[in-house]
Amino acid sequence: MNLFDSFQIRDISFRNRIAVSPMCEYSSEDGFANDWHLVHLGARAVGGAGTVLTEANAVVPEGRISPSDLGIWKDAHVENLGRVVRFLRQHGAVAGTQLAHAGFKASTGVPWRNHGAPVPIAEGGWRPIYSSTAKGFTPESIQPEALTPEGIARITHAFAEGARRALEAGFELVEIHGAHGYLIHQFLSPLVNTRTDQYGGSFENRTRILREIIEAVRKVWPERLSLWLRISASDWTEGGWTIEDSIALARQVKPLGVDLIDSSSGGIVPTARIPLGPGYQTPFAERIRREAGILTGAVGMITAPEQAQHIIGTGQADIVLLARELLREPYWPLRAAHVLKQQIAWPKQYERARF
C-alpha cells in the first residue's frame, strides 16, 4: 500500500489514504456551521486530503464540549452543513462528520478564553451534564449526573437522529466518537464507570451503550456508506482501558457495521502519563488491524510525508489522520506527493504553482 493509493470502503471511493482528523474550531453559534467551517474544511479538500471530517458534531445541545461547538441535534443544522459537504465533494474529498456527546467534559470554556484552565461552568454553559456515573473529570469540573437507562435510550436515539441528519446533509461517512474521555469513553473505562446495572461492571456491560448506539446508527445509515469509530485504545493508567480491551471491542463492533477503528488514546483522567512522540499511537492501530482483522486509522503527531508513507507502506494502518499538521499546512498532501514522487491531480486553479 502507498499513501496515495485510492481505495474503497463499501460504495465509497477514497482518492488517497490521508484524512483530516476532527478538530474543534469553537466557532459556532447554536451549533450552526458557518463560513469559517466552509473555508477551514474546504481548504483541506482543495489541498488534496482524501477524507475531510468535521469537528465533533454534538447530537444534543448539552453534549457539546463548549457552547461554541458544532451541532447536529436539529433539522435546521442540515442546510449549513450541506453547503460545506457540497464543496468538499466538489473538490474530490469524502465528506465525513463525527457524531459526539462530551459527557462530563461538556460545557467547558473556549480555549483562548480560559487558556485551558478548568472552569466550573463556561460562559453560556449549562447544567446539568451527564456521565456514566456521578463523577467529574476533576474536582473543579462540573459534577455530572449519572444517566438513567431512560437517559441512555434518549442519547442513543439522538445519535441515530444525528446520523439521519448527516445523511440528509450529504455526508458519505460518519464517525462515532468513543474516545478522549467523552461520554462513550466514560462508559467504556473502568476508571470512571462504576455502575452496577446492565451498563456497568463487566466488559460486556460497559460496552453495551456503544453497541446500542452503533446498531441504532446503522438502522438509519445506509449499508452503502461507511461508519467509523474513534476510540482511546489505552487509558495509559493502571486499572484502565487497555489495548487488549480495544482489540476485543473491535471484534465486537465489526459485525455490527463498523468499517474502521480510528485509534487514538487517553483523555479519561487528567493524571495519565502519555509518552508523547512522533507516531506514538500508531502501534495501537497496528495491533487492532492485525488482531481484530479490521481497517484502522493511525493518528497523533504524524507530520512528515515519509513517516506517513512508512505507516501505510508497512501495513501499520490503512489511513493516517492528520490534525495539527494540517492546521499548519492545509496543502500538506500536495507537498507530500511531491516529496514522495507521486503524481496526483491538483486543483486546476493551482496548476501553475505545481512543484
Protein backbone atom coordinates (compact mmCIF):
# COMPACT_ATOMS: atom_id res chain seq x y z
CA MET A 1 0.00 0.00 0.00
CA ASN A 2 1.04 3.56 -0.66
CA LEU A 3 -0.13 6.81 0.88
CA PHE A 4 -1.61 7.99 -2.40
CA ASP A 5 -3.31 4.75 -3.37
CA SER A 6 -7.04 5.05 -3.86
CA PHE A 7 -9.23 2.54 -2.05
CA GLN A 8 -12.83 1.58 -1.48
CA ILE A 9 -14.97 1.09 1.64
CA ARG A 10 -18.45 -0.18 0.77
CA ASP A 11 -19.62 2.08 -2.09
CA ILE A 12 -17.35 4.98 -1.20
CA SER A 13 -14.13 5.63 -3.15
CA PHE A 14 -11.31 7.46 -1.40
CA ARG A 15 -8.67 9.14 -3.56
CA ASN A 16 -5.86 8.59 -1.06
CA ARG A 17 -5.18 7.48 2.49
CA ILE A 18 -4.90 10.94 4.07
CA ALA A 19 -7.71 12.12 6.34
CA VAL A 20 -8.32 15.38 8.16
CA SER A 21 -8.78 14.43 11.80
CA PRO A 22 -11.75 16.02 13.61
CA MET A 23 -10.61 19.24 15.30
CA CYS A 24 -12.81 21.56 17.36
CA GLU A 25 -12.91 25.08 15.96
CA TYR A 26 -15.00 26.71 18.71
CA SER A 27 -16.61 28.94 16.10
CA SER A 28 -20.32 28.01 16.02
CA GLU A 29 -23.37 29.77 17.38
CA ASP A 30 -26.19 27.46 18.48
CA GLY A 31 -24.39 24.60 16.75
CA PHE A 32 -24.61 26.05 13.23
CA ALA A 33 -21.82 25.63 10.70
CA ASN A 34 -20.82 28.91 9.09
CA ASP A 35 -18.30 30.49 6.72
CA TRP A 36 -15.41 29.54 8.99
CA HIS A 37 -16.22 25.85 8.66
CA LEU A 38 -16.67 26.16 4.91
CA VAL A 39 -13.28 27.82 4.44
CA HIS A 40 -11.41 25.77 7.05
CA LEU A 41 -12.65 22.38 5.86
CA GLY A 42 -12.82 23.39 2.22
CA ALA A 43 -9.16 24.40 2.16
CA ARG A 44 -8.17 20.87 3.23
CA ALA A 45 -10.22 19.35 0.40
CA VAL A 46 -8.63 21.72 -2.11
CA GLY A 47 -5.30 20.81 -0.50
CA GLY A 48 -5.68 17.18 -1.52
CA ALA A 49 -6.87 15.29 1.57
CA GLY A 50 -8.84 12.20 0.63
CA THR A 51 -11.19 12.45 3.60
CA VAL A 52 -12.28 15.56 5.47
CA LEU A 53 -14.01 15.07 8.81
CA THR A 54 -15.74 17.88 10.66
CA GLU A 55 -15.11 18.52 14.31
CA ALA A 56 -17.13 16.66 16.94
CA ASN A 57 -20.74 17.30 15.99
CA ALA A 58 -22.95 17.23 19.08
CA VAL A 59 -26.08 15.07 18.88
CA VAL A 60 -27.76 17.01 21.72
CA PRO A 61 -27.11 20.62 22.78
CA GLU A 62 -25.91 19.59 26.25
CA GLY A 63 -23.45 17.20 24.59
CA ARG A 64 -21.28 19.99 23.18
CA ILE A 65 -17.76 20.29 24.53
CA SER A 66 -18.21 24.06 24.61
CA PRO A 67 -21.06 26.46 23.82
CA SER A 68 -19.23 27.27 20.57
CA ASP A 69 -19.13 23.73 19.17
CA LEU A 70 -20.79 22.36 16.04
CA GLY A 71 -24.17 20.66 16.40
CA ILE A 72 -26.41 18.25 14.53
CA TRP A 73 -29.25 17.99 17.05
CA LYS A 74 -31.91 19.76 15.00
CA ASP A 75 -33.04 19.70 11.39
CA ALA A 76 -32.20 23.37 10.97
CA HIS A 77 -28.49 22.47 11.15
CA VAL A 78 -28.66 20.46 7.93
CA GLU A 79 -28.69 23.32 5.43
CA ASN A 80 -25.42 24.89 6.56
CA LEU A 81 -23.71 21.52 6.89
CA GLY A 82 -24.90 20.63 3.41
CA ARG A 83 -23.21 23.71 1.98
CA VAL A 84 -19.89 22.54 3.44
CA VAL A 85 -20.43 18.97 2.24
CA ARG A 86 -21.13 20.05 -1.33
CA PHE A 87 -17.88 21.99 -1.50
CA LEU A 88 -15.83 19.13 -0.08
CA ARG A 89 -17.28 16.64 -2.54
CA GLN A 90 -16.89 19.02 -5.49
CA HIS A 91 -13.17 19.08 -4.74
CA GLY A 92 -12.70 15.34 -4.52
CA ALA A 93 -12.80 14.66 -0.79
CA VAL A 94 -15.04 12.22 1.03
CA ALA A 95 -17.08 14.34 3.43
CA GLY A 96 -17.42 12.94 6.93
CA THR A 97 -18.69 14.09 10.29
CA GLN A 98 -18.03 12.89 13.83
CA LEU A 99 -21.11 12.28 15.98
CA ALA A 100 -20.36 13.08 19.60
CA HIS A 101 -21.51 13.66 23.16
CA ALA A 102 -18.99 15.14 25.61
CA GLY A 103 -20.47 13.71 28.82
CA PHE A 104 -18.74 15.22 31.85
CA LYS A 105 -16.43 17.21 29.56
CA ALA A 106 -19.35 19.27 28.28
CA SER A 107 -19.95 22.98 28.91
CA THR A 108 -16.26 23.86 29.11
CA GLY A 109 -14.73 27.18 28.11
CA VAL A 110 -13.29 28.06 24.72
CA PRO A 111 -9.51 27.50 24.99
CA TRP A 112 -8.44 31.00 24.03
CA ARG A 113 -10.76 32.49 26.64
CA ASN A 114 -9.76 30.40 29.64
CA HIS A 115 -6.31 29.28 28.42
CA GLY A 116 -7.15 25.64 29.02
CA ALA A 117 -7.78 26.03 32.75
CA PRO A 118 -10.77 24.14 34.19
CA VAL A 119 -13.74 26.35 34.92
CA PRO A 120 -16.84 25.47 36.96
CA ILE A 121 -19.10 26.35 34.04
CA ALA A 122 -18.39 28.11 30.78
CA GLU A 123 -19.87 31.43 29.81
CA GLY A 124 -23.08 30.47 28.08
CA GLY A 125 -22.79 26.96 29.52
CA TRP A 126 -25.37 24.75 31.14
CA ARG A 127 -26.31 22.36 33.90
CA PRO A 128 -26.85 19.50 34.35
CA ILE A 129 -24.27 17.47 32.49
CA TYR A 130 -24.26 13.68 32.33
CA SER A 131 -21.87 10.75 32.56
CA SER A 132 -21.90 7.04 33.26
CA THR A 133 -21.55 7.82 36.96
CA ALA A 134 -21.75 10.88 39.19
CA LYS A 135 -18.03 11.59 38.96
CA GLY A 136 -16.45 14.56 37.21
CA PHE A 137 -13.21 14.81 35.25
CA THR A 138 -11.62 16.85 38.05
CA PRO A 139 -12.92 18.11 41.42
CA GLU A 140 -13.07 21.61 39.88
CA SER A 141 -15.18 20.45 36.92
CA ILE A 142 -18.97 20.49 36.84
CA GLN A 143 -20.01 17.34 38.65
CA PRO A 144 -22.27 15.23 36.43
CA GLU A 145 -25.44 13.30 37.00
CA ALA A 146 -25.40 9.56 36.25
CA LEU A 147 -27.51 8.74 33.21
CA THR A 148 -30.58 6.63 33.86
CA PRO A 149 -31.44 3.82 31.43
CA GLU A 150 -34.09 6.15 30.03
CA GLY A 151 -31.44 8.82 29.53
CA ILE A 152 -29.18 6.33 27.79
CA ALA A 153 -32.02 5.42 25.44
CA ARG A 154 -32.62 9.10 24.71
CA ILE A 155 -28.97 9.67 23.80
CA THR A 156 -28.83 6.51 21.71
CA HIS A 157 -31.80 7.82 19.75
CA ALA A 158 -30.06 11.21 19.41
CA PHE A 159 -27.03 9.54 17.78
CA ALA A 160 -29.34 7.87 15.28
CA GLU A 161 -31.09 11.17 14.58
CA GLY A 162 -27.68 12.80 14.11
CA ALA A 163 -26.82 10.13 11.54
CA ARG A 164 -30.14 10.74 9.76
CA ARG A 165 -29.37 14.45 9.52
CA ALA A 166 -25.81 13.70 8.36
CA LEU A 167 -27.29 11.65 5.54
CA GLU A 168 -29.67 14.47 4.65
CA ALA A 169 -26.72 16.89 4.55
CA GLY A 170 -24.92 14.62 2.08
CA PHE A 171 -22.14 13.18 4.24
CA GLU A 172 -20.77 9.84 2.99
CA LEU A 173 -19.06 8.90 6.24
CA VAL A 174 -19.92 9.19 9.91
CA GLU A 175 -17.58 8.51 12.78
CA ILE A 176 -18.86 7.78 16.27
CA HIS A 177 -16.69 9.47 18.89
CA GLY A 178 -15.89 6.95 21.61
CA ALA A 179 -12.56 8.42 22.72
CA HIS A 180 -10.81 11.17 24.68
CA GLY A 181 -12.81 10.94 27.87
CA TYR A 182 -16.13 11.88 26.30
CA LEU A 183 -19.43 10.19 27.09
CA ILE A 184 -19.00 6.82 25.38
CA HIS A 185 -15.47 6.52 26.76
CA GLN A 186 -16.90 7.30 30.22
CA PHE A 187 -18.91 4.10 29.92
CA LEU A 188 -16.08 2.02 28.46
CA SER A 189 -13.41 2.86 31.03
CA PRO A 190 -13.48 1.18 34.45
CA LEU A 191 -11.68 4.24 35.80
CA VAL A 192 -14.98 6.13 35.55
CA ASN A 193 -17.76 3.59 35.08
CA THR A 194 -18.66 2.16 38.49
CA ARG A 195 -22.29 1.36 37.64
CA THR A 196 -23.86 -1.84 38.92
CA ASP A 197 -26.64 -2.16 36.34
CA GLN A 198 -26.56 -3.59 32.81
CA TYR A 199 -24.31 -0.70 31.69
CA GLY A 200 -21.55 -1.24 34.26
CA GLY A 201 -19.20 -3.80 35.73
CA SER A 202 -18.18 -6.36 33.11
CA PHE A 203 -16.59 -5.58 29.75
CA GLU A 204 -19.81 -6.73 28.08
CA ASN A 205 -21.88 -4.31 30.16
CA ARG A 206 -19.52 -1.34 29.83
CA THR A 207 -19.51 -1.67 26.04
CA ARG A 208 -23.30 -2.07 25.83
CA ILE A 209 -24.12 1.61 25.24
CA LEU A 210 -21.67 1.76 22.34
CA ARG A 211 -23.09 -1.35 20.72
CA GLU A 212 -26.61 0.04 21.08
CA ILE A 213 -25.54 3.35 19.52
CA ILE A 214 -23.86 1.57 16.60
CA GLU A 215 -26.95 -0.56 15.99
CA ALA A 216 -29.22 2.49 16.15
CA VAL A 217 -27.00 4.46 13.76
CA ARG A 218 -26.75 1.58 11.29
CA LYS A 219 -30.56 1.40 11.11
CA VAL A 220 -30.62 4.84 9.50
CA TRP A 221 -27.14 4.97 7.96
CA PRO A 222 -27.24 3.11 4.63
CA GLU A 223 -25.20 -0.04 4.08
CA ARG A 224 -23.54 1.61 1.10
CA LEU A 225 -21.97 4.31 3.31
CA SER A 226 -19.07 3.99 5.71
CA LEU A 227 -19.15 4.01 9.50
CA TRP A 228 -16.00 4.60 11.56
CA LEU A 229 -15.39 4.52 15.30
CA ARG A 230 -12.81 6.58 17.18
CA ILE A 231 -11.61 5.03 20.42
CA SER A 232 -8.97 5.71 23.01
CA ALA A 233 -7.05 2.46 22.62
CA SER A 234 -5.44 2.90 26.04
CA ASP A 235 -6.15 4.98 29.13
CA TRP A 236 -2.40 4.97 29.90
CA THR A 237 -3.35 4.37 33.55
CA GLU A 238 -3.21 1.24 35.67
CA GLY A 239 -6.66 -0.30 36.03
CA GLY A 240 -7.99 1.49 32.98
CA TRP A 241 -8.97 0.56 29.44
CA THR A 242 -6.21 -1.33 27.59
CA ILE A 243 -5.15 -2.21 24.07
CA GLU A 244 -6.43 -5.74 24.73
CA ASP A 245 -9.84 -4.24 25.52
CA SER A 246 -9.66 -2.29 22.28
CA ILE A 247 -8.94 -5.40 20.24
CA ALA A 248 -11.87 -7.18 21.90
CA LEU A 249 -14.11 -4.17 21.22
CA ALA A 250 -13.07 -4.06 17.56
CA ARG A 251 -14.07 -7.72 17.22
CA GLN A 252 -17.45 -6.88 18.76
CA VAL A 253 -18.29 -3.90 16.58
CA LYS A 254 -17.09 -5.11 13.19
CA PRO A 255 -20.12 -7.42 12.72
CA LEU A 256 -22.37 -4.50 13.72
CA GLY A 257 -21.25 -2.49 10.69
CA VAL A 258 -18.18 -0.54 11.82
CA ASP A 259 -15.67 -0.39 8.96
CA LEU A 260 -12.65 1.29 10.56
CA ILE A 261 -11.24 1.90 14.04
CA ASP A 262 -9.69 5.36 14.39
CA SER A 263 -7.08 4.57 17.03
CA SER A 264 -6.36 7.42 19.42
CA SER A 265 -5.72 7.23 23.18
CA GLY A 266 -6.05 8.89 26.59
CA GLY A 267 -8.33 11.63 27.84
CA ILE A 268 -10.29 9.87 30.56
CA VAL A 269 -8.26 11.03 33.58
CA PRO A 270 -6.06 14.12 33.91
CA THR A 271 -3.27 12.16 35.66
CA ALA A 272 -2.42 9.82 32.77
CA ARG A 273 1.25 9.83 31.77
CA ILE A 274 1.23 9.65 27.98
CA PRO A 275 4.58 9.06 26.21
CA LEU A 276 4.14 11.70 23.53
CA GLY A 277 6.30 11.43 20.45
CA PRO A 278 6.09 11.03 16.68
CA GLY A 279 3.62 8.29 15.83
CA TYR A 280 3.22 7.32 19.49
CA GLN A 281 -0.27 5.87 18.93
CA THR A 282 0.48 4.02 15.70
CA PRO A 283 1.26 0.68 17.46
CA PHE A 284 -2.36 0.63 18.65
CA ALA A 285 -3.65 0.88 15.08
CA GLU A 286 -1.24 -1.86 14.01
CA ARG A 287 -2.30 -4.32 16.71
CA ILE A 288 -6.02 -3.72 16.26
CA ARG A 289 -5.66 -4.13 12.49
CA ARG A 290 -3.69 -7.35 12.81
CA GLU A 291 -5.51 -9.00 15.70
CA ALA A 292 -9.10 -7.89 15.05
CA GLY A 293 -8.99 -8.05 11.27
CA ILE A 294 -10.49 -4.59 10.76
CA LEU A 295 -9.35 -1.46 8.95
CA THR A 296 -7.61 1.07 11.18
CA GLY A 297 -6.54 4.69 11.14
CA ALA A 298 -3.37 5.98 12.78
CA VAL A 299 -3.46 9.40 14.41
CA GLY A 300 -1.20 11.50 16.61
CA MET A 301 1.93 13.51 15.79
CA ILE A 302 2.12 12.34 12.20
CA THR A 303 3.86 15.20 10.42
CA ALA A 304 6.36 14.08 7.75
CA PRO A 305 5.40 12.60 4.37
CA GLU A 306 7.99 9.84 4.81
CA GLN A 307 6.54 8.97 8.22
CA ALA A 308 3.00 8.75 6.83
CA GLN A 309 4.18 6.61 3.92
CA HIS A 310 6.03 4.28 6.28
CA ILE A 311 2.89 3.74 8.37
CA ILE A 312 0.83 2.87 5.31
CA GLY A 313 3.55 1.04 3.41
CA THR A 314 4.37 -1.30 6.29
CA GLY A 315 0.72 -2.14 6.94
CA GLN A 316 0.51 -0.49 10.36
CA ALA A 317 -2.73 1.24 9.37
CA ASP A 318 -4.98 1.76 6.37
CA ILE A 319 -5.19 5.54 6.66
CA VAL A 320 -3.41 8.33 8.52
CA LEU A 321 -5.37 11.09 10.17
CA LEU A 322 -3.52 14.39 10.47
CA ALA A 323 -4.61 17.17 12.80
CA ARG A 324 -2.28 19.99 13.81
CA GLU A 325 -0.01 19.44 10.82
CA LEU A 326 -2.97 20.24 8.57
CA LEU A 327 -3.66 23.37 10.60
CA ARG A 328 -0.11 24.47 9.90
CA GLU A 329 -0.18 23.39 6.27
CA PRO A 330 -3.60 22.90 4.63
CA TYR A 331 -1.92 21.81 1.37
CA TRP A 332 0.28 19.19 3.03
CA PRO A 333 -0.97 16.38 0.72
CA LEU A 334 0.20 18.30 -2.36
CA ARG A 335 3.67 18.73 -0.88
CA ALA A 336 3.74 15.14 0.39
CA ALA A 337 3.04 13.84 -3.10
CA HIS A 338 5.96 15.89 -4.42
CA VAL A 339 8.29 14.64 -1.68
CA LEU A 340 7.23 11.03 -2.29
CA LYS A 341 7.43 11.46 -6.09
CA GLN A 342 3.75 10.67 -6.63
CA GLN A 343 1.73 12.24 -9.43
CA ILE A 344 -1.65 13.48 -8.20
CA ALA A 345 -4.22 15.89 -9.58
CA TRP A 346 -4.01 19.50 -8.47
CA PRO A 347 -6.92 21.93 -8.45
CA LYS A 348 -6.95 23.46 -11.93
CA GLN A 349 -6.81 26.92 -10.34
CA TYR A 350 -3.46 25.99 -8.74
CA GLU A 351 -1.81 24.12 -11.62
CA ARG A 352 0.53 27.00 -12.41
CA ALA A 353 2.08 26.60 -8.96
CA ARG A 354 2.70 22.85 -9.26
CA PHE A 355 6.09 21.78 -7.92
